[in-house]
Amino acid sequence: MFVLKVEKECGCFRKSNLENNRKFESKDDALIEAQHMSEIMNSEFCGKHNFTFIEDGENFTIHVEDKKREHSGCCGGGHCS
Protein backbone atom coordinates (compact mmCIF):
# COMPACT_ATOMS: atom_id res chain seq x y z
CA MET A 1 0.00 0.00 0.00
CA PHE A 2 1.31 3.44 -0.99
CA VAL A 3 0.16 6.59 0.77
CA LEU A 4 -0.02 10.14 -0.57
CA LYS A 5 -0.30 12.79 2.11
CA VAL A 6 -0.21 16.57 2.28
CA GLU A 7 1.96 17.57 5.24
CA LYS A 8 0.04 20.78 6.02
CA GLU A 9 -3.50 21.49 4.85
CA CYS A 10 -3.63 25.18 3.99
CA GLY A 11 -6.95 26.99 3.60
CA CYS A 12 -6.97 26.51 -0.17
CA PHE A 13 -6.48 22.77 0.27
CA ARG A 14 -9.33 22.52 2.76
CA LYS A 15 -11.63 24.39 0.34
CA SER A 16 -10.64 22.19 -2.61
CA ASN A 17 -11.97 18.79 -3.63
CA LEU A 18 -8.53 17.22 -3.11
CA GLU A 19 -8.14 14.46 -0.52
CA ASN A 20 -5.37 13.97 2.00
CA ASN A 21 -3.92 10.57 3.05
CA ARG A 22 -4.97 8.75 -0.10
CA LYS A 23 -3.96 5.11 -0.45
CA PHE A 24 -2.93 3.40 -3.69
CA GLU A 25 -2.22 -0.20 -4.61
CA SER A 26 0.37 0.86 -7.20
CA LYS A 27 3.44 3.03 -6.64
CA ASP A 28 3.04 4.40 -10.17
CA ASP A 29 -0.53 5.49 -9.43
CA ALA A 30 0.60 7.24 -6.25
CA LEU A 31 3.43 8.99 -8.12
CA ILE A 32 1.13 10.15 -10.91
CA GLU A 33 -1.39 11.50 -8.42
CA ALA A 34 1.34 13.26 -6.39
CA GLN A 35 2.52 15.00 -9.55
CA HIS A 36 -1.03 15.88 -10.55
CA MET A 37 -2.00 17.23 -7.12
CA SER A 38 1.13 19.36 -6.73
CA GLU A 39 0.58 20.83 -10.22
CA ILE A 40 -3.04 21.70 -9.37
CA MET A 41 -2.05 23.19 -6.03
CA ASN A 42 0.71 25.33 -7.59
CA SER A 43 -1.43 26.58 -10.48
CA GLU A 44 -4.90 26.96 -8.96
CA PHE A 45 -4.34 27.85 -5.31
CA CYS A 46 -3.87 31.44 -4.07
CA GLY A 47 -0.10 31.59 -4.63
CA LYS A 48 1.04 32.01 -1.01
CA HIS A 49 2.76 28.60 -1.02
CA ASN A 50 4.93 26.38 -3.18
CA PHE A 51 4.02 22.71 -3.28
CA THR A 52 6.53 19.97 -4.03
CA PHE A 53 6.35 16.25 -3.45
CA ILE A 54 8.95 13.88 -2.13
CA GLU A 55 9.09 10.11 -2.15
CA ASP A 56 9.96 8.28 1.05
CA GLY A 57 9.85 4.55 0.49
CA GLU A 58 6.20 3.66 0.08
CA ASN A 59 4.92 7.14 0.86
CA PHE A 60 4.67 10.37 -1.08
CA THR A 61 4.41 13.64 0.81
CA ILE A 62 3.40 16.97 -0.66
CA HIS A 63 5.56 19.53 1.10
CA VAL A 64 4.10 23.01 1.71
CA GLU A 65 6.48 25.98 1.81
CA ASP A 66 5.71 29.69 2.12
CA LYS A 67 6.68 31.62 -0.99
CA LYS A 68 9.44 34.15 -0.52
CA ARG A 69 8.13 37.69 -0.60
CA GLU A 70 9.67 40.19 -2.97
CA HIS A 71 12.29 42.25 -1.16
CA SER A 72 11.78 46.01 -1.59
CA GLY A 73 15.39 46.87 -0.78
CA CYS A 74 14.45 48.27 2.61
CA CYS A 75 15.73 46.41 5.64
CA GLY A 76 12.67 47.37 7.70
CA GLY A 77 14.71 49.24 10.29
CA GLY A 78 12.78 52.49 9.79
CA HIS A 79 15.69 54.56 8.52
CA CYS A 80 15.12 54.16 4.77
CA SER A 81 12.34 56.77 4.49
PDB file of N, CA and C in Angstrom:
ATOM      1  N   MET A   1       0.844  -1.181   0.000  1.00  0.00           N
ATOM      2  CA  MET A   1       0.000   0.000   0.000  1.00  0.00           C
ATOM      3  C   MET A   1       0.888   1.242   0.000  1.00  0.00           C
ATOM      4  N   PHE A   2       0.567   2.189  -0.854  1.00  0.00           N
ATOM      5  CA  PHE A   2       1.308   3.439  -0.986  1.00  0.00           C
ATOM      6  C   PHE A   2       0.398   4.592  -0.566  1.00  0.00           C
ATOM      7  N   VAL A   3       0.952   5.503   0.227  1.00  0.00           N
ATOM      8  CA  VAL A   3       0.156   6.592   0.775  1.00  0.00           C
ATOM      9  C   VAL A   3       0.656   7.923   0.227  1.00  0.00           C
ATOM     10  N   LEU A   4      -0.300   8.773  -0.136  1.00  0.00           N
ATOM     11  CA  LEU A   4      -0.017  10.140  -0.568  1.00  0.00           C
ATOM     12  C   LEU A   4      -0.633  11.075   0.458  1.00  0.00           C
ATOM     13  N   LYS A   5       0.225  11.878   1.099  1.00  0.00           N
ATOM     14  CA  LYS A   5      -0.303  12.791   2.106  1.00  0.00           C
ATOM     15  C   LYS A   5       0.204  14.203   1.868  1.00  0.00           C
ATOM     16  N   VAL A   6      -0.588  15.158   2.300  1.00  0.00           N
ATOM     17  CA  VAL A   6      -0.215  16.571   2.284  1.00  0.00           C
ATOM     18  C   VAL A   6       0.195  16.898   3.705  1.00  0.00           C
ATOM     19  N   GLU A   7       1.435  17.384   3.885  1.00  0.00           N
ATOM     20  CA  GLU A   7       1.957  17.570   5.237  1.00  0.00           C
ATOM     21  C   GLU A   7       1.224  18.652   6.017  1.00  0.00           C
ATOM     22  N   LYS A   8       0.724  19.681   5.337  1.00  0.00           N
ATOM     23  CA  LYS A   8       0.035  20.775   6.024  1.00  0.00           C
ATOM     24  C   LYS A   8      -1.115  21.223   5.139  1.00  0.00           C
ATOM     25  N   GLU A   9      -2.319  21.106   5.629  1.00  0.00           N
ATOM     26  CA  GLU A   9      -3.496  21.490   4.852  1.00  0.00           C
ATOM     27  C   GLU A   9      -3.738  22.983   5.007  1.00  0.00           C
ATOM     28  N   CYS A  10      -3.369  23.737   3.974  1.00  0.00           N
ATOM     29  CA  CYS A  10      -3.626  25.177   3.990  1.00  0.00           C
ATOM     30  C   CYS A  10      -5.115  25.407   3.715  1.00  0.00           C
ATOM     31  N   GLY A  11      -5.542  26.654   3.832  1.00  0.00           N
ATOM     32  CA  GLY A  11      -6.947  26.990   3.605  1.00  0.00           C
ATOM     33  C   GLY A  11      -7.419  26.616   2.216  1.00  0.00           C
ATOM     34  N   CYS A  12      -6.592  26.855   1.213  1.00  0.00           N
ATOM     35  CA  CYS A  12      -6.966  26.514  -0.166  1.00  0.00           C
ATOM     36  C   CYS A  12      -7.179  25.005  -0.312  1.00  0.00           C
ATOM     37  N   PHE A  13      -6.332  24.224   0.346  1.00  0.00           N
ATOM     38  CA  PHE A  13      -6.478  22.770   0.267  1.00  0.00           C
ATOM     39  C   PHE A  13      -7.794  22.343   0.905  1.00  0.00           C
ATOM     40  N   ARG A  14      -8.090  22.897   2.061  1.00  0.00           N
ATOM     41  CA  ARG A  14      -9.325  22.521   2.758  1.00  0.00           C
ATOM     42  C   ARG A  14     -10.566  22.893   1.954  1.00  0.00           C
ATOM     43  N   LYS A  15     -10.491  23.972   1.178  1.00  0.00           N
ATOM     44  CA  LYS A  15     -11.625  24.394   0.342  1.00  0.00           C
ATOM     45  C   LYS A  15     -11.725  23.598  -0.958  1.00  0.00           C
ATOM     46  N   SER A  16     -10.656  22.923  -1.341  1.00  0.00           N
ATOM     47  CA  SER A  16     -10.636  22.191  -2.612  1.00  0.00           C
ATOM     48  C   SER A  16     -11.312  20.826  -2.478  1.00  0.00           C
ATOM     49  N   ASN A  17     -11.428  20.150  -3.602  1.00  0.00           N
ATOM     50  CA  ASN A  17     -11.971  18.789  -3.626  1.00  0.00           C
ATOM     51  C   ASN A  17     -10.878  17.731  -3.473  1.00  0.00           C
ATOM     52  N   LEU A  18      -9.640  18.159  -3.240  1.00  0.00           N
ATOM     53  CA  LEU A  18      -8.529  17.217  -3.109  1.00  0.00           C
ATOM     54  C   LEU A  18      -8.604  16.500  -1.763  1.00  0.00           C
ATOM     55  N   GLU A  19      -8.111  15.277  -1.742  1.00  0.00           N
ATOM     56  CA  GLU A  19      -8.141  14.462  -0.518  1.00  0.00           C
ATOM     57  C   GLU A  19      -6.740  14.251   0.020  1.00  0.00           C
ATOM     58  N   ASN A  20      -6.628  14.256   1.330  1.00  0.00           N
ATOM     59  CA  ASN A  20      -5.365  13.966   1.996  1.00  0.00           C
ATOM     60  C   ASN A  20      -5.343  12.492   2.412  1.00  0.00           C
ATOM     61  N   ASN A  21      -4.144  11.947   2.584  1.00  0.00           N
ATOM     62  CA  ASN A  21      -3.921  10.574   3.047  1.00  0.00           C
ATOM     63  C   ASN A  21      -4.586   9.533   2.142  1.00  0.00           C
ATOM     64  N   ARG A  22      -4.413   9.716   0.845  1.00  0.00           N
ATOM     65  CA  ARG A  22      -4.974   8.751  -0.099  1.00  0.00           C
ATOM     66  C   ARG A  22      -4.074   7.527  -0.191  1.00  0.00           C
ATOM     67  N   LYS A  23      -4.687   6.369  -0.368  1.00  0.00           N
ATOM     68  CA  LYS A  23      -3.956   5.106  -0.453  1.00  0.00           C
ATOM     69  C   LYS A  23      -4.086   4.534  -1.857  1.00  0.00           C
ATOM     70  N   PHE A  24      -2.992   3.959  -2.351  1.00  0.00           N
ATOM     71  CA  PHE A  24      -2.930   3.395  -3.691  1.00  0.00           C
ATOM     72  C   PHE A  24      -2.311   2.005  -3.638  1.00  0.00           C
ATOM     73  N   GLU A  25      -2.792   1.148  -4.492  1.00  0.00           N
ATOM     74  CA  GLU A  25      -2.221  -0.200  -4.615  1.00  0.00           C
ATOM     75  C   GLU A  25      -0.905  -0.166  -5.385  1.00  0.00           C
ATOM     76  N   SER A  26      -0.781   0.774  -6.308  1.00  0.00           N
ATOM     77  CA  SER A  26       0.375   0.861  -7.197  1.00  0.00           C
ATOM     78  C   SER A  26       1.217   2.088  -6.883  1.00  0.00           C
ATOM     79  N   LYS A  27       2.533   1.912  -6.858  1.00  0.00           N
ATOM     80  CA  LYS A  27       3.441   3.028  -6.645  1.00  0.00           C
ATOM     81  C   LYS A  27       3.339   4.022  -7.801  1.00  0.00           C
ATOM     82  N   ASP A  28       3.182   3.526  -9.007  1.00  0.00           N
ATOM     83  CA  ASP A  28       3.041   4.402 -10.173  1.00  0.00           C
ATOM     84  C   ASP A  28       1.801   5.282 -10.058  1.00  0.00           C
ATOM     85  N   ASP A  29       0.691   4.707  -9.604  1.00  0.00           N
ATOM     86  CA  ASP A  29      -0.532   5.493  -9.432  1.00  0.00           C
ATOM     87  C   ASP A  29      -0.343   6.587  -8.381  1.00  0.00           C
ATOM     88  N   ALA A  30       0.343   6.258  -7.300  1.00  0.00           N
ATOM     89  CA  ALA A  30       0.604   7.244  -6.248  1.00  0.00           C
ATOM     90  C   ALA A  30       1.506   8.359  -6.772  1.00  0.00           C
ATOM     91  N   LEU A  31       2.519   8.002  -7.542  1.00  0.00           N
ATOM     92  CA  LEU A  31       3.433   8.991  -8.115  1.00  0.00           C
ATOM     93  C   LEU A  31       2.700   9.921  -9.077  1.00  0.00           C
ATOM     94  N   ILE A  32       1.888   9.352  -9.955  1.00  0.00           N
ATOM     95  CA  ILE A  32       1.128  10.154 -10.914  1.00  0.00           C
ATOM     96  C   ILE A  32       0.196  11.113 -10.185  1.00  0.00           C
ATOM     97  N   GLU A  33      -0.473  10.651  -9.158  1.00  0.00           N
ATOM     98  CA  GLU A  33      -1.391  11.505  -8.415  1.00  0.00           C
ATOM     99  C   GLU A  33      -0.639  12.578  -7.634  1.00  0.00           C
ATOM    100  N   ALA A  34       0.529  12.264  -7.091  1.00  0.00           N
ATOM    101  CA  ALA A  34       1.341  13.264  -6.387  1.00  0.00           C
ATOM    102  C   ALA A  34       1.751  14.380  -7.342  1.00  0.00           C
ATOM    103  N   GLN A  35       2.161  14.004  -8.541  1.00  0.00           N
ATOM    104  CA  GLN A  35       2.518  14.997  -9.554  1.00  0.00           C
ATOM    105  C   GLN A  35       1.306  15.851  -9.914  1.00  0.00           C
ATOM    106  N   HIS A  36       0.198  15.199 -10.155  1.00  0.00           N
ATOM    107  CA  HIS A  36      -1.033  15.879 -10.553  1.00  0.00           C
ATOM    108  C   HIS A  36      -1.506  16.847  -9.457  1.00  0.00           C
ATOM    109  N   MET A  37      -1.542  16.379  -8.222  1.00  0.00           N
ATOM    110  CA  MET A  37      -2.003  17.230  -7.119  1.00  0.00           C
ATOM    111  C   MET A  37      -1.090  18.428  -6.920  1.00  0.00           C
ATOM    112  N   SER A  38       0.220  18.230  -6.953  1.00  0.00           N
ATOM    113  CA  SER A  38       1.126  19.355  -6.731  1.00  0.00           C
ATOM    114  C   SER A  38       1.012  20.376  -7.867  1.00  0.00           C
ATOM    115  N   GLU A  39       0.784  19.915  -9.094  1.00  0.00           N
ATOM    116  CA  GLU A  39       0.577  20.835 -10.220  1.00  0.00           C
ATOM    117  C   GLU A  39      -0.700  21.654 -10.026  1.00  0.00           C
ATOM    118  N   ILE A  40      -1.778  20.988  -9.632  1.00  0.00           N
ATOM    119  CA  ILE A  40      -3.038  21.698  -9.375  1.00  0.00           C
ATOM    120  C   ILE A  40      -2.847  22.719  -8.260  1.00  0.00           C
ATOM    121  N   MET A  41      -2.214  22.309  -7.178  1.00  0.00           N
ATOM    122  CA  MET A  41      -2.045  23.187  -6.030  1.00  0.00           C
ATOM    123  C   MET A  41      -1.185  24.400  -6.378  1.00  0.00           C
ATOM    124  N   ASN A  42      -0.151  24.216  -7.194  1.00  0.00           N
ATOM    125  CA  ASN A  42       0.709  25.332  -7.587  1.00  0.00           C
ATOM    126  C   ASN A  42       0.038  26.263  -8.588  1.00  0.00           C
ATOM    127  N   SER A  43      -0.830  25.741  -9.435  1.00  0.00           N
ATOM    128  CA  SER A  43      -1.425  26.578 -10.482  1.00  0.00           C
ATOM    129  C   SER A  43      -2.774  27.171 -10.101  1.00  0.00           C
ATOM    130  N   GLU A  44      -3.546  26.507  -9.230  1.00  0.00           N
ATOM    131  CA  GLU A  44      -4.905  26.957  -8.955  1.00  0.00           C
ATOM    132  C   GLU A  44      -5.109  27.549  -7.563  1.00  0.00           C
ATOM    133  N   PHE A  45      -4.193  27.302  -6.652  1.00  0.00           N
ATOM    134  CA  PHE A  45      -4.343  27.849  -5.309  1.00  0.00           C
ATOM    135  C   PHE A  45      -3.907  29.311  -5.294  1.00  0.00           C
ATOM    136  N   CYS A  46      -4.029  29.986  -4.170  1.00  0.00           N
ATOM    137  CA  CYS A  46      -3.870  31.444  -4.066  1.00  0.00           C
ATOM    138  C   CYS A  46      -2.470  31.966  -4.359  1.00  0.00           C
ATOM    139  N   GLY A  47      -1.453  31.137  -4.310  1.00  0.00           N
ATOM    140  CA  GLY A  47      -0.103  31.586  -4.626  1.00  0.00           C
ATOM    141  C   GLY A  47       0.753  31.922  -3.414  1.00  0.00           C
ATOM    142  N   LYS A  48       0.249  31.718  -2.213  1.00  0.00           N
ATOM    143  CA  LYS A  48       1.036  32.011  -1.012  1.00  0.00           C
ATOM    144  C   LYS A  48       2.066  30.926  -0.713  1.00  0.00           C
ATOM    145  N   HIS A  49       1.885  29.735  -1.309  1.00  0.00           N
ATOM    146  CA  HIS A  49       2.765  28.602  -1.015  1.00  0.00           C
ATOM    147  C   HIS A  49       3.295  27.963  -2.295  1.00  0.00           C
ATOM    148  N   ASN A  50       4.408  27.275  -2.146  1.00  0.00           N
ATOM    149  CA  ASN A  50       4.931  26.383  -3.180  1.00  0.00           C
ATOM    150  C   ASN A  50       4.686  24.961  -2.699  1.00  0.00           C
ATOM    151  N   PHE A  51       4.299  24.093  -3.617  1.00  0.00           N
ATOM    152  CA  PHE A  51       4.016  22.705  -3.279  1.00  0.00           C
ATOM    153  C   PHE A  51       4.935  21.797  -4.084  1.00  0.00           C
ATOM    154  N   THR A  52       5.670  20.955  -3.395  1.00  0.00           N
ATOM    155  CA  THR A  52       6.532  19.972  -4.031  1.00  0.00           C
ATOM    156  C   THR A  52       6.282  18.632  -3.361  1.00  0.00           C
ATOM    157  N   PHE A  53       6.538  17.555  -4.082  1.00  0.00           N
ATOM    158  CA  PHE A  53       6.350  16.251  -3.454  1.00  0.00           C
ATOM    159  C   PHE A  53       7.678  15.528  -3.361  1.00  0.00           C
ATOM    160  N   ILE A  54       7.770  14.712  -2.336  1.00  0.00           N
ATOM    161  CA  ILE A  54       8.955  13.883  -2.130  1.00  0.00           C
ATOM    162  C   ILE A  54       8.504  12.447  -1.931  1.00  0.00           C
ATOM    163  N   GLU A  55       9.357  11.540  -2.311  1.00  0.00           N
ATOM    164  CA  GLU A  55       9.091  10.114  -2.146  1.00  0.00           C
ATOM    165  C   GLU A  55       9.918   9.606  -0.978  1.00  0.00           C
ATOM    166  N   ASP A  56       9.283   8.853  -0.105  1.00  0.00           N
ATOM    167  CA  ASP A  56       9.958   8.277   1.046  1.00  0.00           C
ATOM    168  C   ASP A  56       9.524   6.825   1.167  1.00  0.00           C
ATOM    169  N   GLY A  57      10.211   5.962   0.469  1.00  0.00           N
ATOM    170  CA  GLY A  57       9.853   4.546   0.487  1.00  0.00           C
ATOM    171  C   GLY A  57       8.513   4.303  -0.177  1.00  0.00           C
ATOM    172  N   GLU A  58       7.521   3.939   0.622  1.00  0.00           N
ATOM    173  CA  GLU A  58       6.198   3.656   0.084  1.00  0.00           C
ATOM    174  C   GLU A  58       5.253   4.844   0.210  1.00  0.00           C
ATOM    175  N   ASN A  59       5.766   5.966   0.660  1.00  0.00           N
ATOM    176  CA  ASN A  59       4.922   7.138   0.857  1.00  0.00           C
ATOM    177  C   ASN A  59       5.376   8.296  -0.018  1.00  0.00           C
ATOM    178  N   PHE A  60       4.412   9.121  -0.392  1.00  0.00           N
ATOM    179  CA  PHE A  60       4.671  10.371  -1.082  1.00  0.00           C
ATOM    180  C   PHE A  60       4.081  11.474  -0.214  1.00  0.00           C
ATOM    181  N   THR A  61       4.863  12.526  -0.005  1.00  0.00           N
ATOM    182  CA  THR A  61       4.407  13.638   0.807  1.00  0.00           C
ATOM    183  C   THR A  61       4.484  14.908  -0.020  1.00  0.00           C
ATOM    184  N   ILE A  62       3.381  15.665  -0.032  1.00  0.00           N
ATOM    185  CA  ILE A  62       3.400  16.974  -0.663  1.00  0.00           C
ATOM    186  C   ILE A  62       3.799  17.974   0.404  1.00  0.00           C
ATOM    187  N   HIS A  63       4.957  18.580   0.169  1.00  0.00           N
ATOM    188  CA  HIS A  63       5.557  19.532   1.101  1.00  0.00           C
ATOM    189  C   HIS A  63       5.017  20.924   0.796  1.00  0.00           C
ATOM    190  N   VAL A  64       4.654  21.665   1.834  1.00  0.00           N
ATOM    191  CA  VAL A  64       4.099  23.008   1.710  1.00  0.00           C
ATOM    192  C   VAL A  64       5.132  23.996   2.240  1.00  0.00           C
ATOM    193  N   GLU A  65       5.484  24.983   1.407  1.00  0.00           N
ATOM    194  CA  GLU A  65       6.475  25.976   1.811  1.00  0.00           C
ATOM    195  C   GLU A  65       5.957  27.363   1.464  1.00  0.00           C
ATOM    196  N   ASP A  66       6.102  28.309   2.390  1.00  0.00           N
ATOM    197  CA  ASP A  66       5.709  29.688   2.117  1.00  0.00           C
ATOM    198  C   ASP A  66       6.568  30.232   0.987  1.00  0.00           C
ATOM    199  N   LYS A  67       5.924  30.969   0.071  1.00  0.00           N
ATOM    200  CA  LYS A  67       6.684  31.620  -0.989  1.00  0.00           C
ATOM    201  C   LYS A  67       7.448  32.785  -0.395  1.00  0.00           C
ATOM    202  N   LYS A  68       8.629  33.021  -0.938  1.00  0.00           N
ATOM    203  CA  LYS A  68       9.437  34.154  -0.520  1.00  0.00           C
ATOM    204  C   LYS A  68       8.776  35.428  -1.037  1.00  0.00           C
ATOM    205  N   ARG A  69       8.699  36.402  -0.192  1.00  0.00           N
ATOM    206  CA  ARG A  69       8.128  37.687  -0.598  1.00  0.00           C
ATOM    207  C   ARG A  69       9.195  38.503  -1.307  1.00  0.00           C
ATOM    208  N   GLU A  70       8.749  39.303  -2.261  1.00  0.00           N
ATOM    209  CA  GLU A  70       9.667  40.187  -2.969  1.00  0.00           C
ATOM    210  C   GLU A  70      10.276  41.170  -1.978  1.00  0.00           C
ATOM    211  N   HIS A  71      11.580  41.343  -2.050  1.00  0.00           N
ATOM    212  CA  HIS A  71      12.285  42.255  -1.157  1.00  0.00           C
ATOM    213  C   HIS A  71      12.315  43.645  -1.787  1.00  0.00           C
ATOM    214  N   SER A  72      11.877  44.656  -1.057  1.00  0.00           N
ATOM    215  CA  SER A  72      11.775  46.013  -1.594  1.00  0.00           C
ATOM    216  C   SER A  72      13.109  46.750  -1.552  1.00  0.00           C
ATOM    217  N   GLY A  73      14.129  46.190  -0.922  1.00  0.00           N
ATOM    218  CA  GLY A  73      15.391  46.868  -0.784  1.00  0.00           C
ATOM    219  C   GLY A  73      15.537  47.523   0.584  1.00  0.00           C
ATOM    220  N   CYS A  74      14.433  47.674   1.280  1.00  0.00           N
ATOM    221  CA  CYS A  74      14.451  48.271   2.609  1.00  0.00           C
ATOM    222  C   CYS A  74      14.638  47.166   3.631  1.00  0.00           C
ATOM    223  N   CYS A  75      15.465  47.423   4.624  1.00  0.00           N
ATOM    224  CA  CYS A  75      15.730  46.409   5.644  1.00  0.00           C
ATOM    225  C   CYS A  75      14.637  46.359   6.701  1.00  0.00           C
ATOM    226  N   GLY A  76      13.738  47.358   6.714  1.00  0.00           N
ATOM    227  CA  GLY A  76      12.667  47.367   7.696  1.00  0.00           C
ATOM    228  C   GLY A  76      13.055  48.024   9.003  1.00  0.00           C
ATOM    229  N   GLY A  77      14.236  48.616   9.068  1.00  0.00           N
ATOM    230  CA  GLY A  77      14.705  49.239  10.295  1.00  0.00           C
ATOM    231  C   GLY A  77      14.145  50.628  10.551  1.00  0.00           C
ATOM    232  N   GLY A  78      13.404  51.188   9.601  1.00  0.00           N
ATOM    233  CA  GLY A  78      12.782  52.485   9.789  1.00  0.00           C
ATOM    234  C   GLY A  78      13.629  53.670   9.358  1.00  0.00           C
ATOM    235  N   HIS A  79      14.838  53.442   8.893  1.00  0.00           N
ATOM    236  CA  HIS A  79      15.692  54.559   8.520  1.00  0.00           C
ATOM    237  C   HIS A  79      15.813  54.754   7.010  1.00  0.00           C
ATOM    238  N   CYS A  80      15.048  54.042   6.226  1.00  0.00           N
ATOM    239  CA  CYS A  80      15.119  54.163   4.768  1.00  0.00           C
ATOM    240  C   CYS A  80      14.210  55.274   4.224  1.00  0.00           C
ATOM    241  N   SER A  81      13.276  55.756   5.013  1.00  0.00           N
ATOM    242  CA  SER A  81      12.337  56.769   4.494  1.00  0.00           C
ATOM    243  C   SER A  81      12.686  58.159   4.930  1.00  0.00           C
TER     244      SER A  81
END
